[in-house]
Amino acid sequence: MLTDNFVQQIQSMQGRLDLLLHDIDCPQLQPGLLPTALKELGVASEEIQVTLEELHRQNAELLAMRRTLEEERRRYKDLFELAPDSYAIVDLSGTIREANQATAKLLNVSQRFLSGKPLTTFLNAENREIFWYKFNELQGMAESQEWTMHLCPRDRQPVKVAVVASLSNCEQTGQPKTILLSLREIGDPNRHLYLSDKIDPHNQNVDVSIDELDLSQKQIYLKGETIRLRPETVWLVCRGIVKLAIACETGEEVLLGLAGAGSPFSALDIEAFGLCEATALTEVELTCFSWSELAADPDLSQKLLPKVNQRLQQTTALLAISGKRHAKSRLHHLLLLLAKQIGQPTERGIRLGIRLTHSDLAAACSTTRVTITRMLGKLQAEGTIEIDSKNHFIVCHEQRPQISA
């Protein structure tokens, strides 16, 4: 109300000032106009001064309140960060927005890399279904949800956790809705891992070649992610394709092999060559064993032995290819080998299910990328290979992948 009166006074004063400015050159002004305007200016000046003092007081109160809120927020943030249990905030798409130190330790990932990462990255297919079912159910109810599932930490054994989830109410702040998660480990899971007797050594390009492996033990790596190799661990590919390579002193990468579904690999395979690296060429599911587990389980070791032998045959074949004199012959035989091991039959030929860059092929053939580009053009012109709309190589039917070690 006081504000309305003040506004009316300002408007009245402004009207008289306009008259004074309009009649400034007039020899006769309206009697009393100037004194009235000056009086109103004085009153308005006092009102403005009082208003400024009130605004200063309110600003001081707001500043003090803001500092108090920031201190409280900092305390709650510290409690969130230092809590012994794992807490995370995810959006409705399942993407992690915030995670405390305990969550980073549980998932074995640096805390600064967790923000923006899908939580489902740390879940296998079975637990993803459980997560999304509970997640969607939670959005339609007010109370929290509780369930258990297995998380797959990076480069560690899966763990069973109790999950408590609640939907945050952000309607008043206008912020998007989020899900608050509490993750509490409820004990070390017992490992009952064994390989299926149905592994077909002649069908490595099928994604699921390990039918009876405990799904809770699988870990997922997205395309392009690096898989950490440790001397005490043997990795087994359950789905997808992993590239094994080493980095030379010149910085160039040398391809040592591709591990498909059912293929084991470890740091011991390539650590003698220097800095070794395993990279997911597609989204892959992996499980791992320690050497002590293999030593204590003869049946498991016996089932892995044929796959290890195939890996050795692949390495031997790559060495034989690298010894061929002509770059075109090395490239041709490399494509035949890949078609045999990871190819997918089509009407036109055998399609390589992954995209290999010219640099990848050059590293495997010990030549330059420019040479590979030229040789690929020649093989296409001869009808030996084709390239489909997704830039996948197709080895034509006339070129059967008969590669000897």
Protein backbone atom coordinates (compact mmCIF):
# COMPACT_ATOMS: atom_id res chain seq x y z
CA MET A 1 0.00 0.00 0.00
CA LEU A 2 2.83 2.36 0.90
CA THR A 3 4.47 1.47 -2.39
CA ASP A 4 1.30 2.41 -4.32
CA ASN A 5 1.12 5.83 -2.60
CA PHE A 6 4.77 6.44 -3.35
CA VAL A 7 4.24 5.56 -7.00
CA GLN A 8 1.28 7.93 -7.22
CA GLN A 9 3.37 10.73 -5.72
CA ILE A 10 6.13 10.12 -8.25
CA GLN A 11 3.65 10.16 -11.12
CA SER A 12 2.06 13.42 -9.88
CA MET A 13 5.49 15.02 -9.46
CA GLN A 14 6.49 13.85 -12.93
CA GLY A 15 3.38 15.50 -14.40
CA ARG A 16 4.20 18.87 -12.83
CA LEU A 17 7.82 18.61 -13.96
CA ASP A 18 6.60 18.00 -17.52
CA LEU A 19 4.52 21.19 -17.31
CA LEU A 20 7.50 23.14 -16.02
CA LEU A 21 9.69 21.85 -18.85
CA HIS A 22 6.97 22.60 -21.40
CA ASP A 23 6.48 26.18 -20.15
CA ILE A 24 10.14 26.89 -19.45
CA ASP A 25 10.22 29.63 -22.12
CA CYS A 26 6.84 31.06 -21.21
CA PRO A 27 7.15 34.49 -19.52
CA GLN A 28 4.27 33.76 -17.17
CA LEU A 29 4.09 30.47 -15.26
CA GLN A 30 1.06 29.24 -13.45
CA PRO A 31 1.11 30.67 -9.91
CA GLY A 32 2.30 28.19 -7.30
CA LEU A 33 3.40 25.56 -9.84
CA LEU A 34 7.11 25.85 -9.12
CA PRO A 35 6.83 25.84 -5.29
CA THR A 36 4.50 22.85 -5.45
CA ALA A 37 6.90 20.93 -7.72
CA LEU A 38 9.87 21.75 -5.49
CA LYS A 39 7.95 20.63 -2.41
CA GLU A 40 7.01 17.35 -4.06
CA LEU A 41 10.61 16.83 -5.11
CA GLY A 42 11.69 17.24 -1.51
CA VAL A 43 9.05 14.80 -0.25
CA ALA A 44 9.99 12.29 -2.99
CA SER A 45 13.65 12.61 -2.10
CA GLU A 46 12.88 11.80 1.53
CA GLU A 47 10.72 8.83 0.46
CA ILE A 48 13.48 7.55 -1.78
CA GLN A 49 15.97 7.84 1.09
CA VAL A 50 13.68 5.89 3.42
CA THR A 51 13.10 3.29 0.72
CA LEU A 52 16.84 2.89 0.12
CA GLU A 53 17.44 2.41 3.83
CA GLU A 54 14.73 -0.26 3.90
CA LEU A 55 16.21 -1.96 0.83
CA HIS A 56 19.66 -1.95 2.43
CA ARG A 57 18.20 -3.57 5.53
CA GLN A 58 16.36 -6.22 3.52
CA ASN A 59 19.44 -6.90 1.38
CA ALA A 60 21.51 -7.37 4.54
CA GLU A 61 18.93 -9.85 5.86
CA LEU A 62 18.85 -11.72 2.53
CA LEU A 63 22.65 -11.83 2.42
CA ALA A 64 22.79 -13.21 5.96
CA MET A 65 20.10 -15.77 5.07
CA ARG A 66 21.99 -16.76 1.92
CA ARG A 67 25.20 -17.27 3.88
CA THR A 68 23.32 -19.41 6.39
CA LEU A 69 21.80 -21.50 3.59
CA GLU A 70 25.20 -21.90 1.90
CA GLU A 71 26.75 -23.03 5.18
CA GLU A 72 23.92 -25.52 5.72
CA ARG A 73 24.23 -26.73 2.13
CA ARG A 74 27.98 -27.14 2.61
CA ARG A 75 27.42 -29.14 5.79
CA TYR A 76 24.87 -31.39 4.08
CA LYS A 77 27.22 -31.73 1.09
CA ASP A 78 30.03 -32.79 3.45
CA LEU A 79 27.70 -35.27 5.14
CA PHE A 80 26.73 -36.59 1.68
CA GLU A 81 30.36 -36.90 0.59
CA LEU A 82 31.71 -38.42 3.80
CA ALA A 83 28.81 -40.78 4.53
CA PRO A 84 29.99 -44.37 4.99
CA ASP A 85 27.14 -45.69 2.83
CA SER A 86 26.94 -45.13 -0.91
CA TYR A 87 24.54 -42.44 -2.10
CA ALA A 88 23.81 -41.27 -5.63
CA ILE A 89 21.40 -38.91 -7.38
CA VAL A 90 20.24 -39.97 -10.83
CA ASP A 91 17.85 -38.37 -13.30
CA LEU A 92 14.83 -40.07 -14.85
CA SER A 93 17.00 -41.46 -17.67
CA GLY A 94 19.16 -43.33 -15.14
CA THR A 95 22.17 -41.01 -15.58
CA ILE A 96 24.22 -40.26 -12.48
CA ARG A 97 24.14 -36.57 -11.54
CA GLU A 98 25.92 -36.77 -8.19
CA ALA A 99 27.63 -39.57 -6.29
CA ASN A 100 29.53 -39.55 -3.03
CA GLN A 101 32.98 -40.95 -2.30
CA ALA A 102 31.57 -44.25 -1.00
CA THR A 103 29.77 -44.80 -4.33
CA ALA A 104 32.96 -44.10 -6.28
CA LYS A 105 34.79 -46.61 -4.08
CA LEU A 106 32.00 -49.18 -4.48
CA LEU A 107 32.04 -48.86 -8.29
CA ASN A 108 35.85 -48.55 -8.43
CA VAL A 109 35.64 -45.42 -10.59
CA SER A 110 37.08 -41.99 -9.89
CA GLN A 111 34.37 -39.77 -8.45
CA ARG A 112 34.85 -37.04 -11.04
CA PHE A 113 34.09 -39.51 -13.85
CA LEU A 114 30.79 -40.72 -12.38
CA SER A 115 28.74 -37.62 -13.13
CA GLY A 116 27.01 -38.05 -16.48
CA LYS A 117 27.62 -41.80 -16.64
CA PRO A 118 24.58 -44.13 -16.95
CA LEU A 119 24.16 -46.24 -13.82
CA THR A 120 23.20 -49.17 -16.06
CA THR A 121 26.85 -49.27 -17.19
CA PHE A 122 27.48 -51.09 -13.90
CA LEU A 123 24.61 -53.55 -14.35
CA ASN A 124 24.34 -56.70 -16.43
CA ALA A 125 21.33 -57.52 -18.59
CA GLU A 126 19.35 -59.28 -15.87
CA ASN A 127 19.87 -56.58 -13.26
CA ARG A 128 19.15 -53.85 -15.83
CA GLU A 129 15.66 -55.28 -16.22
CA ILE A 130 15.18 -55.27 -12.43
CA PHE A 131 16.49 -51.70 -12.19
CA TRP A 132 14.23 -50.30 -14.92
CA TYR A 133 11.18 -52.13 -13.56
CA LYS A 134 11.70 -50.66 -10.08
CA PHE A 135 12.69 -47.30 -11.57
CA ASN A 136 9.49 -46.97 -13.60
CA GLU A 137 7.38 -48.25 -10.71
CA LEU A 138 8.90 -45.62 -8.41
CA GLN A 139 7.80 -42.72 -10.63
CA GLY A 140 4.15 -43.60 -10.12
CA MET A 141 4.15 -43.76 -6.33
CA ALA A 142 5.00 -41.46 -3.43
CA GLU A 143 6.76 -43.90 -1.12
CA SER A 144 10.30 -45.20 -1.53
CA GLN A 145 11.21 -48.53 -3.11
CA GLU A 146 13.59 -51.19 -1.80
CA TRP A 147 15.18 -54.10 -3.65
CA THR A 148 18.45 -55.99 -4.05
CA MET A 149 20.58 -56.37 -7.15
CA HIS A 150 24.16 -57.01 -8.24
CA LEU A 151 26.46 -54.16 -9.24
CA CYS A 152 29.46 -54.74 -11.48
CA PRO A 153 32.31 -52.46 -10.32
CA ARG A 154 35.05 -51.62 -12.79
CA ASP A 155 37.76 -54.34 -12.81
CA ARG A 156 36.35 -56.04 -9.69
CA GLN A 157 34.05 -58.86 -8.77
CA PRO A 158 30.29 -58.07 -8.78
CA VAL A 159 28.75 -57.21 -5.42
CA LYS A 160 25.25 -57.61 -4.09
CA VAL A 161 23.70 -54.39 -2.79
CA ALA A 162 20.50 -53.37 -1.04
CA VAL A 163 18.92 -50.41 -2.83
CA VAL A 164 16.61 -47.81 -1.33
CA ALA A 165 15.24 -45.32 -3.86
CA SER A 166 12.95 -42.33 -3.49
CA LEU A 167 11.66 -39.73 -5.93
CA SER A 168 12.59 -36.14 -5.10
CA ASN A 169 9.84 -33.52 -5.30
CA CYS A 170 11.22 -30.55 -7.25
CA GLU A 171 7.94 -28.96 -8.38
CA GLN A 172 8.37 -25.89 -6.16
CA THR A 173 11.91 -25.18 -7.37
CA GLY A 174 11.15 -25.91 -11.01
CA GLN A 175 14.05 -28.34 -11.19
CA PRO A 176 13.70 -31.66 -13.07
CA LYS A 177 12.79 -34.67 -10.97
CA THR A 178 15.59 -36.90 -9.73
CA ILE A 179 15.89 -40.23 -7.93
CA LEU A 180 17.80 -40.51 -4.67
CA LEU A 181 19.57 -43.86 -4.28
CA SER A 182 21.11 -45.52 -1.25
CA LEU A 183 23.38 -48.46 -2.12
CA ARG A 184 24.52 -50.70 0.72
CA GLU A 185 26.69 -53.74 0.14
CA ILE A 186 25.19 -56.75 1.87
CA GLY A 187 28.04 -59.22 1.70
CA ASP A 188 30.47 -60.78 -0.70
CA PRO A 189 28.61 -62.87 -3.25
CA ASN A 190 29.54 -66.51 -3.54
CA ARG A 191 31.06 -67.31 -6.88
CA HIS A 192 29.65 -70.30 -8.72
CA LEU A 193 31.12 -69.81 -12.17
CA TYR A 194 31.35 -72.46 -14.79
CA LEU A 195 31.44 -72.57 -18.56
CA SER A 196 28.78 -74.14 -20.67
CA ASP A 197 29.56 -77.41 -22.40
CA LYS A 198 27.75 -75.97 -25.43
CA ILE A 199 30.55 -73.64 -26.55
CA ASP A 200 31.02 -74.17 -30.25
CA PRO A 201 34.69 -73.57 -31.16
CA HIS A 202 33.66 -73.08 -34.81
CA ASN A 203 31.08 -70.39 -34.04
CA GLN A 204 32.95 -67.64 -32.24
CA ASN A 205 31.04 -64.86 -33.96
CA VAL A 206 27.82 -65.64 -32.07
CA ASP A 207 27.34 -63.17 -29.23
CA VAL A 208 26.12 -65.63 -26.61
CA SER A 209 28.45 -68.62 -26.58
CA ILE A 210 28.47 -69.02 -22.79
CA ASP A 211 24.93 -69.99 -21.90
CA GLU A 212 25.32 -71.10 -18.31
CA LEU A 213 27.58 -68.42 -16.91
CA ASP A 214 26.17 -66.70 -13.83
CA LEU A 215 24.81 -63.40 -15.16
CA SER A 216 25.54 -61.61 -11.89
CA GLN A 217 29.25 -62.01 -12.53
CA LYS A 218 29.37 -60.13 -15.84
CA GLN A 219 30.80 -56.67 -16.31
CA ILE A 220 29.86 -54.32 -19.14
CA TYR A 221 32.19 -52.07 -21.10
CA LEU A 222 30.90 -49.62 -23.68
CA LYS A 223 32.37 -49.24 -27.17
CA GLY A 224 35.74 -47.50 -27.04
CA GLU A 225 36.35 -48.06 -23.32
CA THR A 226 39.69 -49.40 -22.16
CA ILE A 227 39.69 -52.64 -20.18
CA ARG A 228 42.22 -52.69 -17.40
CA LEU A 229 44.59 -55.64 -17.61
CA ARG A 230 46.00 -57.06 -14.40
CA PRO A 231 48.55 -59.88 -14.16
CA GLU A 232 46.46 -61.84 -11.65
CA THR A 233 43.25 -61.78 -13.74
CA VAL A 234 42.02 -63.67 -16.78
CA TRP A 235 39.18 -62.03 -18.70
CA LEU A 236 36.61 -64.02 -20.67
CA VAL A 237 34.49 -62.37 -23.38
CA CYS A 238 30.81 -63.27 -23.04
CA ARG A 239 29.53 -60.92 -25.74
CA GLY A 240 31.14 -58.48 -28.14
CA ILE A 241 34.70 -58.05 -29.44
CA VAL A 242 37.83 -56.79 -27.68
CA LYS A 243 40.90 -55.47 -29.49
CA LEU A 244 44.29 -56.39 -28.04
CA ALA A 245 47.18 -54.13 -28.98
CA ILE A 246 50.49 -52.71 -27.81
CA ALA A 247 51.89 -49.20 -28.04
CA CYS A 248 55.34 -48.94 -29.59
CA GLU A 249 58.01 -46.46 -28.60
CA THR A 250 57.08 -44.36 -31.64
CA GLY A 251 53.53 -44.06 -30.33
CA GLU A 252 52.11 -46.31 -33.04
CA GLU A 253 49.72 -49.10 -32.15
CA VAL A 254 50.27 -52.71 -33.19
CA LEU A 255 47.30 -55.06 -33.34
CA LEU A 256 47.94 -58.36 -31.56
CA GLY A 257 44.54 -59.95 -31.85
CA LEU A 258 40.77 -59.75 -31.48
CA ALA A 259 38.96 -61.60 -28.70
CA GLY A 260 35.38 -62.55 -29.54
CA ALA A 261 32.65 -64.30 -27.56
CA GLY A 262 34.09 -67.21 -25.59
CA SER A 263 37.71 -66.03 -25.94
CA PRO A 264 39.92 -65.48 -22.88
CA PHE A 265 42.69 -62.88 -22.64
CA SER A 266 44.98 -61.51 -19.96
CA ALA A 267 47.92 -59.20 -19.42
CA LEU A 268 50.22 -62.21 -19.60
CA ASP A 269 49.29 -62.63 -23.28
CA ILE A 270 51.01 -59.44 -24.33
CA GLU A 271 52.79 -57.81 -21.38
CA ALA A 272 56.17 -59.08 -22.62
CA PHE A 273 55.82 -56.84 -25.70
CA GLY A 274 55.54 -53.60 -23.75
CA LEU A 275 52.62 -51.36 -22.84
CA CYS A 276 49.56 -53.48 -23.57
CA GLU A 277 45.96 -52.35 -23.95
CA ALA A 278 42.57 -53.99 -24.39
CA THR A 279 39.80 -51.90 -25.95
CA ALA A 280 36.11 -52.69 -26.46
CA LEU A 281 35.36 -52.48 -30.20
CA THR A 282 31.67 -52.99 -29.43
CA GLU A 283 29.71 -53.04 -26.20
CA VAL A 284 31.09 -56.09 -24.45
CA GLU A 285 30.17 -58.26 -21.50
CA LEU A 286 33.11 -59.78 -19.66
CA THR A 287 33.69 -61.98 -16.67
CA CYS A 288 36.99 -62.52 -14.94
CA PHE A 289 38.80 -65.27 -13.07
CA SER A 290 41.87 -65.20 -10.91
CA TRP A 291 44.70 -67.61 -11.59
CA SER A 292 44.10 -69.14 -8.15
CA GLU A 293 40.49 -69.91 -9.13
CA LEU A 294 41.65 -71.63 -12.29
CA ALA A 295 44.24 -73.62 -10.35
CA ALA A 296 41.59 -74.73 -7.84
CA ASP A 297 39.04 -75.72 -10.49
CA PRO A 298 40.42 -78.29 -12.98
CA ASP A 299 37.09 -78.52 -14.83
CA LEU A 300 37.05 -74.79 -15.48
CA SER A 301 40.67 -74.84 -16.62
CA GLN A 302 39.95 -77.72 -18.97
CA LYS A 303 37.03 -75.87 -20.56
CA LEU A 304 39.14 -72.74 -21.03
CA LEU A 305 42.08 -74.59 -22.56
CA PRO A 306 40.58 -74.98 -26.09
CA LYS A 307 39.80 -71.26 -26.17
CA VAL A 308 43.34 -70.42 -25.11
CA ASN A 309 44.59 -72.67 -27.90
CA GLN A 310 42.44 -70.77 -30.43
CA ARG A 311 43.89 -67.50 -29.20
CA LEU A 312 47.39 -68.88 -29.76
CA GLN A 313 46.39 -69.99 -33.25
CA GLN A 314 45.13 -66.48 -33.98
CA THR A 315 48.41 -64.96 -32.77
CA THR A 316 50.37 -67.44 -34.88
CA ALA A 317 48.27 -66.60 -37.93
CA LEU A 318 48.86 -62.86 -37.41
CA LEU A 319 52.61 -63.49 -37.19
CA ALA A 320 52.47 -65.51 -40.41
CA ILE A 321 50.55 -62.71 -42.13
CA SER A 322 53.06 -60.09 -40.99
CA GLY A 323 55.82 -62.16 -42.60
CA LYS A 324 54.31 -61.99 -46.09
CA ARG A 325 56.31 -59.85 -48.47
CA HIS A 326 53.64 -57.76 -50.19
CA ALA A 327 51.31 -55.37 -48.37
CA LYS A 328 48.37 -56.38 -50.55
CA SER A 329 48.86 -60.03 -49.62
CA ARG A 330 49.12 -59.17 -45.92
CA LEU A 331 45.89 -57.15 -46.07
CA HIS A 332 44.03 -59.81 -48.05
CA HIS A 333 45.01 -62.60 -45.67
CA LEU A 334 44.21 -60.46 -42.64
CA LEU A 335 40.68 -59.87 -43.94
CA LEU A 336 40.30 -63.60 -44.59
CA LEU A 337 41.41 -64.38 -41.04
CA LEU A 338 38.99 -61.87 -39.56
CA ALA A 339 36.19 -63.20 -41.74
CA LYS A 340 36.85 -66.68 -40.41
CA GLN A 341 36.96 -65.66 -36.77
CA ILE A 342 34.43 -62.84 -36.40
CA GLY A 343 32.58 -62.90 -39.73
CA GLN A 344 28.84 -63.05 -40.27
CA PRO A 345 27.58 -64.90 -43.38
CA THR A 346 25.50 -62.83 -45.82
CA GLU A 347 24.23 -63.32 -49.36
CA ARG A 348 27.17 -61.40 -50.85
CA GLY A 349 29.88 -62.90 -48.64
CA ILE A 350 31.18 -62.87 -45.09
CA ARG A 351 30.64 -59.55 -43.36
CA LEU A 352 32.97 -58.31 -40.63
CA GLY A 353 30.67 -57.30 -37.78
CA ILE A 354 32.91 -54.48 -36.59
CA ARG A 355 34.22 -51.30 -38.14
CA LEU A 356 37.99 -51.36 -38.58
CA THR A 357 39.69 -48.11 -39.51
CA HIS A 358 42.44 -47.90 -42.09
CA SER A 359 44.81 -47.14 -39.21
CA ASP A 360 43.82 -50.41 -37.48
CA LEU A 361 44.49 -52.39 -40.64
CA ALA A 362 47.76 -50.55 -41.23
CA ALA A 363 48.95 -51.39 -37.71
CA ALA A 364 48.09 -55.06 -38.19
CA CYS A 365 49.76 -55.21 -41.63
CA SER A 366 52.90 -53.24 -40.66
CA THR A 367 52.36 -50.62 -43.33
CA THR A 368 51.00 -47.12 -43.71
CA ARG A 369 47.41 -45.94 -43.78
CA VAL A 370 47.91 -44.53 -47.28
CA THR A 371 49.07 -47.93 -48.53
CA ILE A 372 46.07 -49.64 -46.92
CA THR A 373 43.70 -47.20 -48.62
CA ARG A 374 45.30 -47.92 -51.99
CA MET A 375 45.26 -51.71 -51.46
CA LEU A 376 41.62 -51.68 -50.37
CA GLY A 377 40.77 -49.87 -53.60
CA LYS A 378 42.53 -52.58 -55.61
CA LEU A 379 40.77 -55.41 -53.72
CA GLN A 380 37.42 -53.72 -54.32
CA ALA A 381 38.19 -53.29 -58.01
CA GLU A 382 39.04 -57.01 -58.24
CA GLY A 383 35.76 -57.95 -56.54
CA THR A 384 37.60 -59.55 -53.62
CA ILE A 385 35.92 -57.36 -51.04
CA GLU A 386 32.98 -54.97 -50.79
CA ILE A 387 32.07 -52.26 -48.31
CA ASP A 388 28.44 -51.98 -47.17
CA SER A 389 26.46 -48.85 -46.25
CA LYS A 390 27.74 -49.00 -42.66
CA ASN A 391 31.39 -49.17 -43.79
CA HIS A 392 31.73 -52.83 -42.83
CA PHE A 393 33.98 -55.01 -44.97
CA ILE A 394 32.47 -57.95 -46.82
CA VAL A 395 34.78 -60.71 -48.03
CA CYS A 396 33.13 -62.02 -51.18
CA HIS A 397 32.11 -65.66 -51.47
CA GLU A 398 34.82 -66.48 -53.95
CA GLN A 399 37.41 -65.72 -51.27
CA ARG A 400 36.95 -68.45 -48.71
CA PRO A 401 38.72 -67.77 -45.40
CA GLN A 402 41.10 -70.70 -45.44
CA ILE A 403 44.00 -69.53 -43.30
CA SER A 404 46.55 -71.90 -41.94
CA ALA A 405 48.58 -71.14 -38.84
